[in-house]
N, C-alpha and C. Protein backbone atom coordinates (compact mmCIF):
# COMPACT_ATOMS: atom_id res chain seq x y z
N MET A 1 -29.19 41.42 4.79
CA MET A 1 -29.33 40.89 3.42
C MET A 1 -28.00 40.25 2.98
N LEU A 2 -28.09 39.10 2.36
CA LEU A 2 -26.89 38.37 1.95
C LEU A 2 -26.27 39.02 0.72
N SER A 3 -25.00 39.32 0.80
CA SER A 3 -24.29 39.91 -0.33
C SER A 3 -23.70 38.80 -1.20
N LEU A 4 -23.85 38.95 -2.50
CA LEU A 4 -23.30 37.96 -3.43
C LEU A 4 -21.79 38.00 -3.46
N ASP A 5 -21.20 39.07 -2.97
CA ASP A 5 -19.74 39.20 -2.93
C ASP A 5 -19.15 38.64 -1.65
N GLU A 6 -20.01 38.25 -0.72
CA GLU A 6 -19.53 37.75 0.56
C GLU A 6 -19.07 36.30 0.44
N GLU A 7 -17.92 36.00 1.00
CA GLU A 7 -17.37 34.65 0.96
C GLU A 7 -18.22 33.69 1.80
N VAL A 8 -18.56 32.55 1.24
CA VAL A 8 -19.33 31.54 1.95
C VAL A 8 -18.39 30.67 2.76
N ARG A 9 -18.60 30.62 4.05
CA ARG A 9 -17.76 29.83 4.93
C ARG A 9 -18.40 28.47 5.18
N LEU A 10 -17.59 27.43 5.01
CA LEU A 10 -18.07 26.07 5.21
C LEU A 10 -18.03 25.69 6.68
N TYR A 11 -17.38 26.47 7.50
CA TYR A 11 -17.24 26.16 8.92
C TYR A 11 -17.10 27.45 9.72
N THR A 12 -17.43 27.36 10.99
CA THR A 12 -17.31 28.52 11.88
C THR A 12 -16.44 28.21 13.09
N THR A 13 -16.11 26.93 13.29
CA THR A 13 -15.26 26.54 14.42
C THR A 13 -14.11 25.68 13.93
N ASN A 14 -13.10 25.52 14.77
CA ASN A 14 -11.96 24.68 14.42
C ASN A 14 -12.37 23.24 14.20
N ALA A 15 -13.32 22.76 15.01
CA ALA A 15 -13.80 21.38 14.88
C ALA A 15 -14.47 21.16 13.53
N GLU A 16 -15.26 22.15 13.11
CA GLU A 16 -15.94 22.05 11.81
C GLU A 16 -14.91 22.13 10.67
N ARG A 17 -13.90 22.95 10.86
CA ARG A 17 -12.85 23.06 9.84
C ARG A 17 -12.11 21.73 9.68
N GLU A 18 -11.79 21.08 10.80
CA GLU A 18 -11.12 19.79 10.75
C GLU A 18 -11.99 18.74 10.09
N LYS A 19 -13.28 18.77 10.40
CA LYS A 19 -14.23 17.82 9.80
C LYS A 19 -14.27 18.00 8.29
N CYS A 20 -14.33 19.24 7.81
CA CYS A 20 -14.34 19.51 6.37
C CYS A 20 -13.05 19.04 5.72
N SER A 21 -11.94 19.27 6.39
CA SER A 21 -10.64 18.88 5.85
C SER A 21 -10.55 17.36 5.71
N LEU A 22 -11.01 16.63 6.71
CA LEU A 22 -10.96 15.18 6.67
C LEU A 22 -11.86 14.63 5.56
N GLN A 23 -13.04 15.21 5.43
CA GLN A 23 -13.96 14.76 4.39
C GLN A 23 -13.41 15.06 3.00
N ALA A 24 -12.73 16.19 2.86
CA ALA A 24 -12.11 16.53 1.57
C ALA A 24 -11.01 15.54 1.22
N THR A 25 -10.24 15.14 2.23
CA THR A 25 -9.18 14.16 2.00
C THR A 25 -9.77 12.81 1.58
N LEU A 26 -10.83 12.39 2.27
CA LEU A 26 -11.49 11.13 1.91
C LEU A 26 -12.04 11.20 0.49
N PHE A 27 -12.63 12.32 0.15
CA PHE A 27 -13.15 12.53 -1.20
C PHE A 27 -12.04 12.34 -2.24
N GLY A 28 -10.89 12.95 -1.97
CA GLY A 28 -9.76 12.86 -2.89
C GLY A 28 -9.23 11.44 -3.04
N ILE A 29 -9.20 10.70 -1.94
CA ILE A 29 -8.72 9.31 -1.97
C ILE A 29 -9.64 8.46 -2.84
N ILE A 30 -10.95 8.64 -2.70
CA ILE A 30 -11.91 7.86 -3.47
C ILE A 30 -11.80 8.17 -4.96
N VAL A 31 -11.67 9.45 -5.29
CA VAL A 31 -11.53 9.85 -6.70
C VAL A 31 -10.24 9.27 -7.28
N ALA A 32 -9.16 9.34 -6.51
CA ALA A 32 -7.87 8.81 -6.98
C ALA A 32 -7.96 7.29 -7.19
N LEU A 33 -8.64 6.60 -6.29
CA LEU A 33 -8.78 5.14 -6.40
C LEU A 33 -9.59 4.78 -7.64
N ASP A 34 -10.65 5.52 -7.90
CA ASP A 34 -11.48 5.26 -9.08
C ASP A 34 -10.66 5.47 -10.35
N PHE A 35 -9.88 6.55 -10.37
CA PHE A 35 -9.02 6.84 -11.52
C PHE A 35 -8.01 5.72 -11.73
N LEU A 36 -7.42 5.23 -10.63
CA LEU A 36 -6.43 4.16 -10.71
C LEU A 36 -7.05 2.87 -11.25
N GLU A 37 -8.24 2.53 -10.77
CA GLU A 37 -8.91 1.31 -11.23
C GLU A 37 -9.18 1.38 -12.73
N ARG A 38 -9.65 2.52 -13.19
CA ARG A 38 -9.95 2.67 -14.62
C ARG A 38 -8.68 2.62 -15.46
N ALA A 39 -7.62 3.19 -14.94
CA ALA A 39 -6.34 3.16 -15.66
C ALA A 39 -5.83 1.74 -15.80
N TYR A 40 -5.99 0.94 -14.74
CA TYR A 40 -5.52 -0.44 -14.77
C TYR A 40 -6.34 -1.28 -15.75
N VAL A 41 -7.64 -1.10 -15.74
CA VAL A 41 -8.52 -1.85 -16.65
C VAL A 41 -8.19 -1.54 -18.11
N ARG A 42 -7.79 -0.29 -18.35
CA ARG A 42 -7.48 0.13 -19.72
C ARG A 42 -6.03 -0.16 -20.11
N ASP A 43 -5.28 -0.85 -19.23
CA ASP A 43 -3.88 -1.17 -19.49
C ASP A 43 -3.02 0.08 -19.63
N SER A 44 -3.43 1.16 -18.98
CA SER A 44 -2.63 2.38 -19.00
C SER A 44 -1.47 2.30 -18.03
N ILE A 45 -1.56 1.40 -17.05
CA ILE A 45 -0.48 1.16 -16.10
C ILE A 45 -0.29 -0.34 -15.95
N THR A 46 0.88 -0.74 -15.51
CA THR A 46 1.18 -2.16 -15.33
C THR A 46 0.74 -2.63 -13.95
N ALA A 47 0.72 -3.93 -13.76
CA ALA A 47 0.37 -4.50 -12.46
C ALA A 47 1.38 -4.07 -11.40
N ALA A 48 2.66 -3.96 -11.80
CA ALA A 48 3.71 -3.55 -10.86
C ALA A 48 3.50 -2.12 -10.38
N GLU A 49 2.91 -1.27 -11.23
CA GLU A 49 2.61 0.11 -10.83
C GLU A 49 1.30 0.17 -10.07
N TYR A 50 0.33 -0.60 -10.52
CA TYR A 50 -1.01 -0.56 -9.94
C TYR A 50 -1.08 -1.10 -8.52
N SER A 51 -0.51 -2.28 -8.29
CA SER A 51 -0.70 -2.98 -7.01
C SER A 51 -0.26 -2.17 -5.79
N PRO A 52 0.96 -1.63 -5.75
CA PRO A 52 1.35 -0.85 -4.58
C PRO A 52 0.55 0.44 -4.41
N ALA A 53 0.21 1.08 -5.55
CA ALA A 53 -0.58 2.31 -5.47
C ALA A 53 -1.96 2.03 -4.90
N CYS A 54 -2.57 0.93 -5.33
CA CYS A 54 -3.89 0.55 -4.85
C CYS A 54 -3.84 0.20 -3.37
N THR A 55 -2.84 -0.56 -2.97
CA THR A 55 -2.70 -0.94 -1.57
C THR A 55 -2.57 0.28 -0.68
N ARG A 56 -1.78 1.25 -1.13
CA ARG A 56 -1.58 2.48 -0.35
C ARG A 56 -2.89 3.27 -0.23
N LEU A 57 -3.63 3.40 -1.33
CA LEU A 57 -4.89 4.14 -1.29
C LEU A 57 -5.92 3.45 -0.40
N LEU A 58 -5.96 2.12 -0.44
CA LEU A 58 -6.89 1.39 0.43
C LEU A 58 -6.53 1.58 1.89
N SER A 59 -5.24 1.59 2.18
CA SER A 59 -4.78 1.81 3.55
C SER A 59 -5.13 3.22 4.01
N GLN A 60 -4.94 4.21 3.14
CA GLN A 60 -5.29 5.59 3.47
C GLN A 60 -6.79 5.73 3.66
N TYR A 61 -7.56 5.03 2.83
CA TYR A 61 -9.02 5.07 2.97
C TYR A 61 -9.46 4.56 4.33
N MET A 62 -8.90 3.43 4.76
CA MET A 62 -9.27 2.85 6.05
C MET A 62 -8.92 3.80 7.19
N THR A 63 -7.79 4.46 7.08
CA THR A 63 -7.39 5.42 8.12
C THR A 63 -8.36 6.60 8.18
N MET A 64 -8.69 7.15 7.01
CA MET A 64 -9.59 8.29 6.97
C MET A 64 -11.00 7.92 7.42
N LEU A 65 -11.45 6.72 7.08
CA LEU A 65 -12.80 6.30 7.46
C LEU A 65 -12.95 6.27 8.98
N LYS A 66 -11.89 5.87 9.67
CA LYS A 66 -11.93 5.84 11.13
C LYS A 66 -12.05 7.25 11.70
N LEU A 67 -11.46 8.20 11.01
CA LEU A 67 -11.45 9.58 11.51
C LEU A 67 -12.78 10.31 11.28
N VAL A 68 -13.56 9.84 10.30
CA VAL A 68 -14.83 10.52 9.99
C VAL A 68 -16.05 9.66 10.32
N LYS A 69 -15.84 8.56 11.03
CA LYS A 69 -16.93 7.61 11.27
C LYS A 69 -18.11 8.21 12.03
N ASP A 70 -17.86 9.24 12.83
CA ASP A 70 -18.95 9.85 13.60
C ASP A 70 -19.94 10.60 12.70
N SER A 71 -19.44 11.12 11.58
CA SER A 71 -20.31 11.88 10.69
C SER A 71 -20.65 11.14 9.40
N ILE A 72 -19.93 10.04 9.13
CA ILE A 72 -20.16 9.27 7.90
C ILE A 72 -20.47 7.81 8.28
N PRO A 73 -21.73 7.42 8.31
CA PRO A 73 -22.08 6.06 8.72
C PRO A 73 -21.62 4.96 7.76
N SER A 74 -21.49 5.29 6.46
CA SER A 74 -21.05 4.30 5.48
C SER A 74 -20.49 5.01 4.27
N ILE A 75 -19.71 4.28 3.48
CA ILE A 75 -19.11 4.86 2.29
C ILE A 75 -20.19 5.21 1.26
N GLU A 76 -21.26 4.41 1.22
CA GLU A 76 -22.36 4.69 0.29
C GLU A 76 -23.03 6.02 0.62
N VAL A 77 -23.23 6.27 1.92
CA VAL A 77 -23.82 7.54 2.35
C VAL A 77 -22.93 8.71 1.96
N PHE A 78 -21.63 8.54 2.14
CA PHE A 78 -20.67 9.60 1.79
C PHE A 78 -20.73 9.90 0.30
N MET A 79 -20.75 8.85 -0.53
CA MET A 79 -20.78 9.05 -1.98
C MET A 79 -22.07 9.73 -2.42
N THR A 80 -23.18 9.34 -1.80
CA THR A 80 -24.46 9.96 -2.14
C THR A 80 -24.49 11.43 -1.72
N ARG A 81 -24.00 11.69 -0.52
CA ARG A 81 -24.02 13.06 0.02
C ARG A 81 -23.22 14.02 -0.85
N PHE A 82 -22.07 13.54 -1.35
CA PHE A 82 -21.20 14.42 -2.13
C PHE A 82 -21.26 14.12 -3.63
N ARG A 83 -22.28 13.36 -4.02
CA ARG A 83 -22.55 13.08 -5.44
C ARG A 83 -21.35 12.49 -6.16
N LEU A 84 -20.75 11.51 -5.54
CA LEU A 84 -19.60 10.82 -6.12
C LEU A 84 -20.08 9.66 -6.99
N ASP A 85 -19.75 9.70 -8.25
CA ASP A 85 -20.08 8.60 -9.16
C ASP A 85 -18.80 7.82 -9.45
N THR A 86 -18.43 6.96 -8.51
CA THR A 86 -17.15 6.24 -8.61
C THR A 86 -17.37 4.75 -8.34
N PRO A 87 -18.05 4.05 -9.23
CA PRO A 87 -18.36 2.63 -9.00
C PRO A 87 -17.13 1.74 -8.92
N ALA A 88 -16.09 2.08 -9.68
CA ALA A 88 -14.87 1.26 -9.65
C ALA A 88 -14.21 1.34 -8.28
N ALA A 89 -14.18 2.54 -7.72
CA ALA A 89 -13.60 2.72 -6.39
C ALA A 89 -14.43 2.00 -5.34
N LEU A 90 -15.75 2.08 -5.45
CA LEU A 90 -16.62 1.44 -4.48
C LEU A 90 -16.41 -0.08 -4.49
N HIS A 91 -16.28 -0.65 -5.67
CA HIS A 91 -16.03 -2.09 -5.75
C HIS A 91 -14.70 -2.47 -5.10
N ARG A 92 -13.66 -1.67 -5.39
CA ARG A 92 -12.34 -2.00 -4.83
C ARG A 92 -12.36 -1.87 -3.31
N ILE A 93 -13.06 -0.87 -2.80
CA ILE A 93 -13.17 -0.67 -1.35
C ILE A 93 -13.88 -1.85 -0.71
N LYS A 94 -14.94 -2.33 -1.35
CA LYS A 94 -15.69 -3.46 -0.80
C LYS A 94 -14.88 -4.76 -0.83
N VAL A 95 -14.06 -4.93 -1.88
CA VAL A 95 -13.21 -6.13 -1.98
C VAL A 95 -12.07 -6.04 -0.97
N GLY A 96 -11.47 -4.86 -0.86
CA GLY A 96 -10.45 -4.63 0.16
C GLY A 96 -9.02 -4.95 -0.23
N VAL A 97 -8.81 -5.50 -1.42
CA VAL A 97 -7.45 -5.80 -1.91
C VAL A 97 -7.36 -5.39 -3.37
N PRO A 98 -6.15 -5.18 -3.90
CA PRO A 98 -6.00 -4.82 -5.32
C PRO A 98 -6.55 -5.91 -6.24
N ALA A 99 -6.88 -5.51 -7.46
CA ALA A 99 -7.42 -6.46 -8.44
C ALA A 99 -6.42 -7.57 -8.73
N THR A 100 -5.14 -7.27 -8.68
CA THR A 100 -4.11 -8.28 -8.93
C THR A 100 -4.16 -9.39 -7.89
N VAL A 101 -4.59 -9.07 -6.70
CA VAL A 101 -4.75 -10.08 -5.65
C VAL A 101 -6.10 -10.76 -5.77
N GLU A 102 -7.14 -9.97 -6.03
CA GLU A 102 -8.50 -10.50 -6.15
C GLU A 102 -8.60 -11.60 -7.20
N HIS A 103 -7.89 -11.42 -8.31
CA HIS A 103 -8.03 -12.35 -9.43
C HIS A 103 -6.99 -13.46 -9.47
N LEU A 104 -6.23 -13.60 -8.40
CA LEU A 104 -5.28 -14.71 -8.33
C LEU A 104 -5.94 -15.93 -7.69
N SER A 105 -7.15 -16.23 -8.11
CA SER A 105 -7.91 -17.33 -7.49
C SER A 105 -7.25 -18.68 -7.70
N GLU A 106 -6.48 -18.81 -8.81
CA GLU A 106 -5.84 -20.11 -9.06
C GLU A 106 -4.75 -20.39 -8.03
N ALA A 107 -4.27 -19.34 -7.38
CA ALA A 107 -3.24 -19.53 -6.37
C ALA A 107 -3.82 -19.82 -5.00
N GLY A 108 -5.13 -19.63 -4.87
CA GLY A 108 -5.78 -19.90 -3.59
C GLY A 108 -5.90 -18.66 -2.74
N PRO A 109 -6.93 -18.59 -1.90
CA PRO A 109 -7.17 -17.40 -1.09
C PRO A 109 -6.05 -17.12 -0.09
N GLU A 110 -5.37 -18.16 0.41
CA GLU A 110 -4.31 -17.94 1.38
C GLU A 110 -3.14 -17.21 0.75
N THR A 111 -2.80 -17.60 -0.49
CA THR A 111 -1.71 -16.93 -1.19
C THR A 111 -2.08 -15.48 -1.49
N GLY A 112 -3.34 -15.25 -1.85
CA GLY A 112 -3.79 -13.88 -2.08
C GLY A 112 -3.62 -13.03 -0.84
N LYS A 113 -3.90 -13.59 0.31
CA LYS A 113 -3.72 -12.88 1.58
C LYS A 113 -2.24 -12.58 1.81
N TRP A 114 -1.36 -13.54 1.49
CA TRP A 114 0.08 -13.33 1.68
C TRP A 114 0.59 -12.21 0.77
N ILE A 115 0.08 -12.15 -0.45
CA ILE A 115 0.50 -11.11 -1.38
C ILE A 115 0.13 -9.74 -0.83
N ALA A 116 -1.09 -9.61 -0.33
CA ALA A 116 -1.54 -8.34 0.24
C ALA A 116 -0.69 -7.95 1.44
N GLU A 117 -0.39 -8.91 2.31
CA GLU A 117 0.41 -8.64 3.51
C GLU A 117 1.84 -8.24 3.14
N THR A 118 2.42 -8.94 2.17
CA THR A 118 3.79 -8.64 1.76
C THR A 118 3.86 -7.26 1.12
N THR A 119 2.86 -6.92 0.32
CA THR A 119 2.80 -5.59 -0.28
C THR A 119 2.80 -4.52 0.79
N GLN A 120 1.98 -4.70 1.82
CA GLN A 120 1.91 -3.72 2.90
C GLN A 120 3.22 -3.63 3.66
N ASN A 121 3.89 -4.78 3.85
CA ASN A 121 5.17 -4.79 4.55
C ASN A 121 6.24 -4.03 3.77
N PHE A 122 6.23 -4.18 2.45
CA PHE A 122 7.16 -3.42 1.61
C PHE A 122 6.93 -1.92 1.80
N ILE A 123 5.68 -1.51 1.71
CA ILE A 123 5.33 -0.09 1.82
C ILE A 123 5.73 0.45 3.19
N THR A 124 5.44 -0.31 4.25
CA THR A 124 5.76 0.12 5.61
C THR A 124 7.26 0.34 5.77
N PHE A 125 8.06 -0.60 5.25
CA PHE A 125 9.51 -0.49 5.42
C PHE A 125 10.08 0.67 4.61
N MET A 126 9.63 0.83 3.38
CA MET A 126 10.15 1.93 2.56
C MET A 126 9.73 3.28 3.12
N ASP A 127 8.52 3.35 3.67
CA ASP A 127 8.08 4.59 4.32
C ASP A 127 8.96 4.91 5.53
N ALA A 128 9.35 3.88 6.27
CA ALA A 128 10.21 4.08 7.44
C ALA A 128 11.55 4.69 7.02
N LEU A 129 12.11 4.20 5.93
CA LEU A 129 13.38 4.74 5.44
C LEU A 129 13.21 6.17 4.94
N LYS A 130 12.10 6.45 4.28
CA LYS A 130 11.86 7.80 3.77
C LYS A 130 11.62 8.78 4.92
N LEU A 131 11.15 8.26 6.07
CA LEU A 131 10.97 9.09 7.25
C LEU A 131 12.26 9.23 8.05
N ARG A 132 13.34 8.71 7.46
CA ARG A 132 14.70 8.84 8.02
C ARG A 132 14.89 8.04 9.31
N LEU A 133 14.19 6.92 9.44
CA LEU A 133 14.49 6.00 10.53
C LEU A 133 15.78 5.28 10.17
N ARG A 134 16.72 5.23 11.11
CA ARG A 134 18.04 4.71 10.80
C ARG A 134 18.54 3.65 11.80
N ALA A 135 18.04 3.66 13.02
CA ALA A 135 18.56 2.79 14.07
C ALA A 135 18.16 1.33 13.85
N LYS A 136 19.01 0.42 14.32
CA LYS A 136 18.74 -1.00 14.18
C LYS A 136 17.41 -1.38 14.82
N ASP A 137 17.14 -0.88 16.04
CA ASP A 137 15.92 -1.28 16.73
C ASP A 137 14.66 -0.71 16.08
N GLN A 138 14.83 0.24 15.17
CA GLN A 138 13.70 0.76 14.41
C GLN A 138 13.45 -0.02 13.13
N LEU A 139 14.54 -0.43 12.48
CA LEU A 139 14.44 -1.05 11.16
C LEU A 139 14.41 -2.58 11.16
N HIS A 140 15.16 -3.19 12.06
CA HIS A 140 15.30 -4.64 12.03
C HIS A 140 13.97 -5.39 12.15
N PRO A 141 13.09 -5.03 13.10
CA PRO A 141 11.82 -5.78 13.22
C PRO A 141 10.96 -5.70 11.96
N ILE A 142 10.96 -4.52 11.32
CA ILE A 142 10.13 -4.35 10.12
C ILE A 142 10.70 -5.15 8.95
N LEU A 143 12.03 -5.08 8.79
CA LEU A 143 12.67 -5.82 7.70
C LEU A 143 12.55 -7.32 7.92
N GLN A 144 12.67 -7.76 9.15
CA GLN A 144 12.55 -9.18 9.46
C GLN A 144 11.15 -9.70 9.09
N GLU A 145 10.13 -8.92 9.41
CA GLU A 145 8.76 -9.32 9.07
C GLU A 145 8.57 -9.35 7.56
N LEU A 146 9.18 -8.38 6.87
CA LEU A 146 9.09 -8.34 5.41
C LEU A 146 9.74 -9.56 4.79
N VAL A 147 10.95 -9.88 5.20
CA VAL A 147 11.68 -11.02 4.63
C VAL A 147 10.97 -12.33 4.94
N THR A 148 10.41 -12.44 6.14
CA THR A 148 9.69 -13.66 6.51
C THR A 148 8.48 -13.88 5.60
N GLY A 149 7.72 -12.81 5.37
CA GLY A 149 6.56 -12.94 4.48
C GLY A 149 6.96 -13.18 3.04
N TYR A 150 8.01 -12.52 2.61
CA TYR A 150 8.54 -12.64 1.25
C TYR A 150 8.97 -14.08 0.97
N ALA A 151 9.57 -14.72 1.99
CA ALA A 151 10.10 -16.08 1.82
C ALA A 151 9.01 -17.14 1.72
N ARG A 152 7.76 -16.79 1.99
CA ARG A 152 6.66 -17.75 1.88
C ARG A 152 6.47 -18.23 0.45
N PHE A 153 6.87 -17.38 -0.52
CA PHE A 153 6.61 -17.70 -1.92
C PHE A 153 7.73 -18.56 -2.48
N LYS A 154 7.33 -19.65 -3.06
CA LYS A 154 8.29 -20.65 -3.55
C LYS A 154 9.32 -20.04 -4.49
N GLY A 155 8.88 -19.17 -5.40
CA GLY A 155 9.79 -18.58 -6.37
C GLY A 155 10.77 -17.59 -5.80
N SER A 156 10.57 -17.17 -4.55
CA SER A 156 11.42 -16.12 -3.99
C SER A 156 12.87 -16.57 -3.83
N LYS A 157 13.13 -17.87 -3.75
CA LYS A 157 14.49 -18.36 -3.61
C LYS A 157 15.36 -17.99 -4.81
N GLU A 158 14.71 -17.76 -5.94
CA GLU A 158 15.44 -17.44 -7.17
C GLU A 158 15.47 -15.93 -7.44
N TRP A 159 14.82 -15.15 -6.60
CA TRP A 159 14.75 -13.71 -6.82
C TRP A 159 15.95 -13.02 -6.20
N GLU A 160 16.59 -12.15 -6.96
CA GLU A 160 17.77 -11.44 -6.48
C GLU A 160 17.43 -10.55 -5.29
N GLY A 161 16.22 -10.02 -5.28
CA GLY A 161 15.80 -9.13 -4.20
C GLY A 161 15.87 -9.79 -2.83
N ARG A 162 15.60 -11.09 -2.79
CA ARG A 162 15.63 -11.78 -1.51
C ARG A 162 17.04 -11.78 -0.94
N SER A 163 18.03 -12.10 -1.75
CA SER A 163 19.41 -12.15 -1.26
C SER A 163 19.88 -10.77 -0.81
N ARG A 164 19.41 -9.72 -1.49
CA ARG A 164 19.78 -8.36 -1.08
C ARG A 164 19.21 -8.04 0.29
N MET A 165 17.94 -8.39 0.50
CA MET A 165 17.31 -8.08 1.78
C MET A 165 17.88 -8.91 2.92
N VAL A 166 18.19 -10.17 2.64
CA VAL A 166 18.81 -11.02 3.66
C VAL A 166 20.18 -10.46 4.04
N GLY A 167 20.90 -9.95 3.04
CA GLY A 167 22.20 -9.34 3.32
C GLY A 167 22.07 -8.16 4.27
N TRP A 168 21.02 -7.35 4.09
CA TRP A 168 20.79 -6.21 4.99
C TRP A 168 20.36 -6.67 6.38
N LEU A 169 19.63 -7.77 6.45
CA LEU A 169 19.27 -8.33 7.76
C LEU A 169 20.53 -8.72 8.52
N ILE A 170 21.47 -9.33 7.81
CA ILE A 170 22.74 -9.73 8.43
C ILE A 170 23.49 -8.50 8.93
N THR A 171 23.49 -7.45 8.11
CA THR A 171 24.16 -6.20 8.49
C THR A 171 23.54 -5.62 9.76
N LEU A 172 22.23 -5.57 9.80
CA LEU A 172 21.54 -5.02 10.96
C LEU A 172 21.74 -5.89 12.20
N ASN A 173 21.78 -7.21 11.99
CA ASN A 173 22.01 -8.12 13.11
C ASN A 173 23.34 -7.87 13.80
N GLY A 174 24.32 -7.43 13.02
CA GLY A 174 25.65 -7.20 13.57
C GLY A 174 25.82 -5.85 14.24
N MET A 175 24.74 -5.05 14.27
CA MET A 175 24.81 -3.72 14.86
C MET A 175 24.23 -3.72 16.27
N LYS A 176 24.63 -2.74 17.07
CA LYS A 176 24.01 -2.55 18.38
C LYS A 176 22.63 -1.94 18.19
N ALA A 177 21.75 -2.13 19.17
CA ALA A 177 20.37 -1.69 19.03
C ALA A 177 20.23 -0.22 18.69
N SER A 178 21.06 0.62 19.29
CA SER A 178 20.97 2.06 19.08
C SER A 178 21.81 2.55 17.91
N GLU A 179 22.61 1.67 17.35
CA GLU A 179 23.49 2.05 16.24
C GLU A 179 22.66 2.35 15.00
N GLU A 180 23.09 3.34 14.22
CA GLU A 180 22.33 3.77 13.06
C GLU A 180 23.08 3.55 11.75
N LEU A 181 22.31 3.33 10.69
CA LEU A 181 22.89 3.26 9.36
C LEU A 181 23.35 4.65 8.94
N THR A 182 24.35 4.69 8.09
CA THR A 182 24.78 5.97 7.55
C THR A 182 23.79 6.40 6.47
N GLU A 183 23.90 7.64 6.05
CA GLU A 183 23.03 8.14 4.98
C GLU A 183 23.24 7.33 3.70
N GLU A 184 24.48 6.99 3.41
CA GLU A 184 24.80 6.21 2.21
C GLU A 184 24.20 4.81 2.30
N GLN A 185 24.31 4.19 3.48
CA GLN A 185 23.74 2.86 3.68
C GLN A 185 22.22 2.89 3.53
N SER A 186 21.61 3.91 4.10
CA SER A 186 20.15 4.03 4.05
C SER A 186 19.66 4.17 2.61
N ARG A 187 20.37 4.96 1.83
CA ARG A 187 19.99 5.15 0.42
C ARG A 187 20.15 3.84 -0.35
N GLN A 188 21.21 3.10 -0.08
CA GLN A 188 21.43 1.83 -0.76
C GLN A 188 20.37 0.81 -0.35
N LEU A 189 20.03 0.81 0.94
CA LEU A 189 19.00 -0.11 1.43
C LEU A 189 17.67 0.17 0.76
N LEU A 190 17.30 1.45 0.66
CA LEU A 190 16.05 1.81 0.00
C LEU A 190 16.07 1.38 -1.46
N PHE A 191 17.21 1.57 -2.11
CA PHE A 191 17.35 1.15 -3.51
C PHE A 191 17.15 -0.36 -3.65
N ASP A 192 17.78 -1.14 -2.76
CA ASP A 192 17.70 -2.60 -2.83
C ASP A 192 16.29 -3.11 -2.53
N VAL A 193 15.63 -2.50 -1.55
CA VAL A 193 14.27 -2.93 -1.22
C VAL A 193 13.30 -2.55 -2.33
N ASP A 194 13.52 -1.38 -2.92
CA ASP A 194 12.68 -0.96 -4.04
C ASP A 194 12.86 -1.91 -5.22
N TYR A 195 14.09 -2.37 -5.42
CA TYR A 195 14.37 -3.36 -6.48
C TYR A 195 13.60 -4.65 -6.21
N ALA A 196 13.65 -5.12 -4.96
CA ALA A 196 12.95 -6.35 -4.59
C ALA A 196 11.45 -6.18 -4.75
N TYR A 197 10.96 -5.00 -4.42
CA TYR A 197 9.54 -4.67 -4.54
C TYR A 197 9.08 -4.78 -5.99
N ALA A 198 9.84 -4.16 -6.90
CA ALA A 198 9.50 -4.20 -8.32
C ALA A 198 9.59 -5.62 -8.86
N GLU A 199 10.60 -6.36 -8.42
CA GLU A 199 10.78 -7.74 -8.86
C GLU A 199 9.61 -8.60 -8.41
N PHE A 200 9.16 -8.35 -7.18
CA PHE A 200 8.02 -9.09 -6.63
C PHE A 200 6.77 -8.87 -7.48
N PHE A 201 6.52 -7.64 -7.87
CA PHE A 201 5.30 -7.35 -8.61
C PHE A 201 5.40 -7.63 -10.10
N ARG A 202 6.61 -7.73 -10.62
CA ARG A 202 6.75 -8.09 -12.04
C ARG A 202 6.14 -9.45 -12.32
N SER A 203 6.21 -10.33 -11.33
CA SER A 203 5.65 -11.67 -11.52
C SER A 203 4.13 -11.62 -11.65
N LEU A 204 3.48 -10.57 -11.14
CA LEU A 204 2.04 -10.44 -11.26
C LEU A 204 1.62 -10.16 -12.69
N SER A 205 2.49 -9.55 -13.47
CA SER A 205 2.15 -9.21 -14.84
C SER A 205 2.76 -10.18 -15.85
N GLY A 206 3.36 -11.27 -15.36
CA GLY A 206 3.91 -12.29 -16.25
C GLY A 206 2.83 -13.23 -16.75
N ASP A 207 3.24 -14.26 -17.48
CA ASP A 207 2.24 -15.20 -17.97
C ASP A 207 1.83 -16.15 -16.85
N LYS A 208 0.85 -17.00 -17.13
CA LYS A 208 0.28 -17.85 -16.09
C LYS A 208 1.32 -18.76 -15.47
N ASN A 209 2.20 -19.31 -16.29
CA ASN A 209 3.22 -20.20 -15.75
C ASN A 209 4.15 -19.49 -14.80
N ASP A 210 4.51 -18.24 -15.15
CA ASP A 210 5.37 -17.47 -14.27
C ASP A 210 4.67 -17.20 -12.94
N ARG A 211 3.39 -16.87 -13.00
CA ARG A 211 2.66 -16.60 -11.77
C ARG A 211 2.55 -17.85 -10.90
N ASP A 212 2.32 -18.99 -11.56
CA ASP A 212 2.21 -20.23 -10.79
C ASP A 212 3.52 -20.54 -10.07
N ASP A 213 4.65 -20.33 -10.76
CA ASP A 213 5.94 -20.62 -10.15
C ASP A 213 6.25 -19.64 -9.02
N ALA A 214 5.88 -18.36 -9.24
CA ALA A 214 6.27 -17.34 -8.27
C ALA A 214 5.38 -17.32 -7.04
N PHE A 215 4.10 -17.63 -7.20
CA PHE A 215 3.17 -17.39 -6.11
C PHE A 215 2.49 -18.64 -5.52
N ARG A 216 2.86 -19.83 -6.02
CA ARG A 216 2.28 -21.02 -5.41
C ARG A 216 2.92 -21.22 -4.05
N ALA A 217 2.14 -21.12 -3.02
CA ALA A 217 2.66 -21.16 -1.65
C ALA A 217 3.14 -22.55 -1.27
N SER A 218 4.17 -22.56 -0.46
CA SER A 218 4.65 -23.82 0.08
C SER A 218 3.62 -24.41 1.03
N SER A 219 3.50 -25.69 1.07
CA SER A 219 2.53 -26.34 1.96
C SER A 219 3.01 -26.35 3.40
N HIS A 220 4.25 -25.88 3.61
CA HIS A 220 4.81 -25.89 4.97
C HIS A 220 4.65 -24.53 5.60
């Protein structure tokens, strides 16, 4: 006879435990994304705060979806199974990019793609620094890709963040492959890249003329 005081176990094997853990993580990501979308629509957060957070959650969602694909055929099935009422998150997942990118139609779809890629490059590089990667051969390729994408935008020539990042590229270029940045250098580099990141996204929340100047892609 089943005792009401007996703990209900959701799993009996390690594989089942891992499956439950992954599904719980996916559930949390979807709820967080829905909350973020609603906060942005209500002007509770700025575009500079929203865009990187949304990009990160979408990236985490894609990673988790690959891990649970054997048991979850689609996001709609997952939401139905766990009674998730998160239409804002579902829309953002289907679009695949933050609303700030989705609605930059006047800049053209190619520029929207560049914004999404540059956002991801910023996140990747800052995560590398937070994971205490210090060697030139670890950091230089990522920073080079970031600066290359960043330079696509016409307005970037006037942004202070660009000159800071180029300065760090020069510093890394002068180092041996195995040589590492000091702790002080790493902290300053993270500060400078974070500054460039914020500067990049401030243009998303500016007026239309500012956005046109900052994000109209060069024809070259």
